[in-house]
Amino acid sequence: MSLPPPEVSMVTTRRVWCDGATDIRSGENYKPIALGHPKVYLEIDEHGYVDCGYCDRRFVLEGGPADGVDQSTLMDISEGGDPGHR
């Protein structure tokens, strides 16, 4: 059984970054840095998506091959990974 990624972000560029705390709720006493991870830069390849190795957030390129696809059917790939090799 394959589970969908915990969070999917649609993006318009192949180069993205993730810190694990962006787009999380905010508030007067909220410190998102405490919930994040080191900032990492990721590159979306020909598969049209990439997963963050820290928090599993998936970045999907709008208009790419993975756009509109059921995300639970796609294998996890982090930068440098290739789902074609098992």
Protein backbone atom coordinates (compact mmCIF):
# COMPACT_ATOMS: atom_id res chain seq x y z
CA MET A 1 0.00 0.00 0.00
CA SER A 2 1.31 3.43 -0.91
CA LEU A 3 0.49 6.48 1.18
CA PRO A 4 0.27 9.98 -0.26
CA PRO A 5 2.88 12.51 0.88
CA PRO A 6 1.87 14.44 4.01
CA GLU A 7 1.94 17.75 2.12
CA VAL A 8 2.08 18.71 -1.56
CA SER A 9 3.19 22.13 -2.79
CA MET A 10 2.55 23.14 -6.40
CA VAL A 11 5.45 25.19 -7.78
CA THR A 12 6.29 26.98 -11.02
CA THR A 13 10.09 26.59 -10.97
CA ARG A 14 12.31 23.50 -11.05
CA ARG A 15 14.55 24.80 -8.25
CA VAL A 16 12.82 24.94 -4.85
CA TRP A 17 13.80 25.14 -1.19
CA CYS A 18 12.30 23.70 1.98
CA ASP A 19 12.85 24.55 5.64
CA GLY A 20 9.98 22.51 7.05
CA ALA A 21 8.36 25.56 8.64
CA THR A 22 7.21 27.69 5.72
CA ASP A 23 3.45 27.87 5.19
CA ILE A 24 2.79 26.66 8.73
CA ARG A 25 0.31 28.63 10.83
CA SER A 26 1.57 31.76 12.52
CA GLY A 27 0.66 33.75 15.58
CA GLU A 28 1.98 36.14 18.19
CA ASN A 29 3.72 33.44 20.26
CA TYR A 30 4.42 31.05 17.40
CA LYS A 31 8.04 30.27 16.52
CA PRO A 32 8.09 28.28 13.25
CA ILE A 33 11.85 27.79 13.37
CA ALA A 34 11.35 25.43 16.33
CA LEU A 35 9.32 23.11 14.10
CA GLY A 36 11.47 23.28 10.99
CA HIS A 37 14.66 21.70 9.69
CA PRO A 38 17.78 23.03 7.96
CA LYS A 39 16.99 24.86 4.74
CA VAL A 40 17.67 22.61 1.75
CA TYR A 41 17.53 23.35 -1.96
CA LEU A 42 15.95 20.76 -4.25
CA GLU A 43 15.85 20.32 -8.02
CA ILE A 44 12.81 18.87 -9.80
CA ASP A 45 13.88 16.47 -12.54
CA GLU A 46 12.10 14.93 -15.54
CA HIS A 47 9.62 13.16 -13.25
CA GLY A 48 8.05 16.51 -12.41
CA TYR A 49 8.34 16.30 -8.62
CA VAL A 50 10.80 16.01 -5.74
CA ASP A 51 10.40 15.12 -2.06
CA CYS A 52 12.14 16.80 0.85
CA GLY A 53 14.34 14.27 2.63
CA TYR A 54 13.62 15.84 6.03
CA CYS A 55 9.87 16.41 6.15
CA ASP A 56 8.58 14.48 3.09
CA ARG A 57 6.90 17.57 1.62
CA ARG A 58 6.43 16.97 -2.09
CA PHE A 59 7.02 19.73 -4.62
CA VAL A 60 5.16 19.20 -7.90
CA LEU A 61 5.93 21.27 -10.99
CA GLU A 62 2.76 22.86 -12.38
CA GLY A 63 2.17 21.56 -15.90
CA GLY A 64 4.77 18.82 -15.39
CA PRO A 65 4.30 15.04 -15.71
CA ALA A 66 3.22 14.67 -12.05
CA ASP A 67 0.67 17.50 -12.13
CA GLY A 68 -2.84 16.11 -11.80
CA VAL A 69 -1.63 12.59 -10.95
CA ASP A 70 -2.77 10.78 -7.80
CA GLN A 71 0.26 11.48 -5.58
CA SER A 72 -0.14 8.17 -3.70
CA THR A 73 0.73 6.32 -6.94
CA LEU A 74 4.13 8.02 -7.28
CA MET A 75 7.27 6.69 -5.60
CA ASP A 76 9.15 8.81 -3.08
CA ILE A 77 12.19 10.52 -4.58
CA SER A 78 14.47 12.99 -2.92
CA GLU A 79 17.03 15.01 -4.84
CA GLY A 80 19.46 12.66 -6.53
CA GLY A 81 17.03 9.74 -6.24
CA ASP A 82 15.63 7.99 -9.29
CA PRO A 83 12.39 6.02 -8.98
CA GLY A 84 13.45 3.99 -12.02
CA HIS A 85 16.12 2.17 -9.95
CA ARG A 86 14.95 -0.18 -7.23
